[in-house]
Protein backbone atom coordinates (compact mmCIF):
# COMPACT_ATOMS: atom_id res chain seq x y z
CA MET A 1 0.05 0.02 -0.01
CA ARG A 2 1.00 3.60 -0.60
CA ILE A 3 0.17 6.92 1.04
CA CYS A 4 -1.13 9.29 -1.74
CA ARG A 5 -3.07 12.51 -2.06
CA VAL A 6 -5.87 13.03 -4.45
CA VAL A 7 -4.69 15.85 -6.80
CA GLY A 8 -7.49 15.75 -9.47
CA SER A 9 -9.85 13.50 -11.36
CA VAL A 10 -9.79 11.73 -14.76
CA VAL A 11 -12.55 11.51 -17.19
CA ALA A 12 -12.57 9.13 -20.09
CA ALA A 13 -15.21 9.34 -22.70
CA GLN A 14 -14.55 5.75 -23.92
CA VAL A 15 -13.24 2.87 -21.74
CA SER A 16 -13.30 -0.97 -21.98
CA ASP A 17 -16.64 -2.52 -21.22
CA ARG A 18 -15.02 -3.88 -18.05
CA LEU A 19 -14.15 -0.50 -16.83
CA ILE A 20 -17.31 1.27 -17.28
CA GLY A 21 -18.69 2.84 -14.03
CA PRO A 22 -16.07 3.64 -11.59
CA THR A 23 -14.67 7.07 -10.82
CA TYR A 24 -10.90 7.63 -11.83
CA LEU A 25 -8.74 9.83 -9.64
CA LEU A 26 -5.41 11.35 -10.14
CA VAL A 27 -3.33 10.58 -7.10
CA ALA A 28 0.25 11.45 -6.28
CA PRO A 29 2.52 9.64 -3.80
CA ALA A 30 2.59 11.47 -0.51
CA THR A 31 4.98 11.78 2.51
CA VAL A 32 3.94 10.91 6.06
CA ASP A 33 2.94 14.68 6.38
CA GLY A 34 0.33 14.17 3.53
CA ASP A 35 2.18 16.29 1.22
CA ALA A 36 2.09 15.26 -2.47
CA LYS A 37 5.49 14.32 -3.77
CA GLY A 38 6.20 12.49 -7.01
CA THR A 39 4.55 11.63 -10.33
CA PRO A 40 0.81 11.38 -10.28
CA MET A 41 -0.93 8.15 -11.47
CA VAL A 42 -4.51 7.25 -12.28
CA ALA A 43 -6.38 5.09 -9.59
CA VAL A 44 -9.90 3.55 -9.46
CA ASP A 45 -11.87 5.16 -6.46
CA ALA A 46 -13.47 2.33 -4.40
CA VAL A 47 -14.25 4.75 -1.26
CA GLN A 48 -15.54 7.88 -2.78
CA ALA A 49 -12.44 9.91 -2.04
CA GLY A 50 -12.36 13.60 -2.95
CA GLN A 51 -9.92 16.30 -4.11
CA GLY A 52 -7.26 16.82 -1.48
CA ASP A 53 -7.89 13.67 0.52
CA VAL A 54 -4.94 11.61 1.77
CA VAL A 55 -5.59 8.07 0.72
CA LEU A 56 -4.41 4.47 0.82
CA VAL A 57 -3.72 3.09 -2.52
CA VAL A 58 -3.07 -0.55 -3.59
CA GLN A 59 -1.20 -1.29 -6.89
CA GLY A 60 -0.40 -4.24 -9.01
CA SER A 61 -2.04 -7.69 -8.52
CA SER A 62 -3.63 -6.59 -5.25
CA SER A 63 -5.61 -3.87 -6.95
CA ARG A 64 -7.40 -6.58 -9.08
CA GLN A 65 -8.88 -8.13 -6.00
CA ILE A 66 -11.03 -5.26 -4.49
CA GLU A 67 -14.72 -5.59 -4.40
CA SER A 68 -16.66 -2.54 -3.10
CA PRO A 69 -20.39 -1.55 -3.06
CA ASP A 70 -19.37 1.83 -4.54
CA SER A 71 -17.16 0.68 -7.27
CA PRO A 72 -17.31 -2.32 -9.68
CA GLU A 73 -15.44 -5.49 -9.03
CA THR A 74 -11.87 -5.02 -10.40
CA THR A 75 -11.02 -8.82 -10.30
CA ASP A 76 -9.14 -9.71 -13.47
CA THR A 77 -9.60 -6.29 -15.05
CA ALA A 78 -6.80 -3.93 -16.48
CA VAL A 79 -6.52 -1.99 -13.30
CA ASP A 80 -3.21 -1.22 -11.63
CA ALA A 81 -4.17 1.00 -8.87
CA VAL A 82 -7.11 1.40 -6.50
CA VAL A 83 -8.01 3.80 -3.67
CA ILE A 84 -9.00 1.59 -0.73
CA GLY A 85 -9.15 4.04 2.16
CA ILE A 86 -9.28 7.69 3.15
CA ILE A 87 -6.63 8.28 5.84
CA ASP A 88 -7.80 10.08 9.03
CA MET A 89 -4.52 10.32 10.80
CA ILE A 90 -0.76 9.28 10.41
CA ASP A 91 1.34 8.71 13.51
CA SER A 92 5.05 8.28 12.53
CA GLU A 93 7.78 7.92 15.15
CA ASP A 94 5.43 8.61 18.10
CA SER A 95 4.25 12.00 16.60
CA VAL A 96 1.07 12.74 14.65
CA THR A 97 2.31 13.98 11.32
CA TYR A 98 -1.05 14.16 9.56
CA ARG A 99 -4.54 14.64 10.66
CA ALA A 100 -7.50 15.07 8.20
CA ALA A 101 -9.24 17.39 10.62
CA ASP A 102 -6.44 19.88 10.45
CA ASP A 103 -6.18 19.64 6.72
CA GLU A 104 -8.31 22.53 5.44
CA GLY A 105 -8.22 23.49 1.87
CA GLY A 106 -6.60 20.38 0.65
CA MET A 107 -3.12 20.95 2.09
CA MET A 108 -1.64 21.29 5.48
């Protein structure tokens, strides 16, 4: 799993029949402080995350095993990344480095 920040959304007018329905988010790897760092990637949203949320993302074969009531099953589809959780707090080295309640306006 990776910590990422939602930095945008992706809309595709045409997709494979197996990928019709889910929301696609643009997520960037994030630090333990919740700051976006690195190259963004597209991920299927299984938890109704929004712009600026700090999220948990699975990639590779793990992303093809997710079932969610809010998102179509991704088993055996051409999906490489799925948002599987919205992070409320990160505690690193006995210190809270990120708290969603403190994250107004999308960035700390």
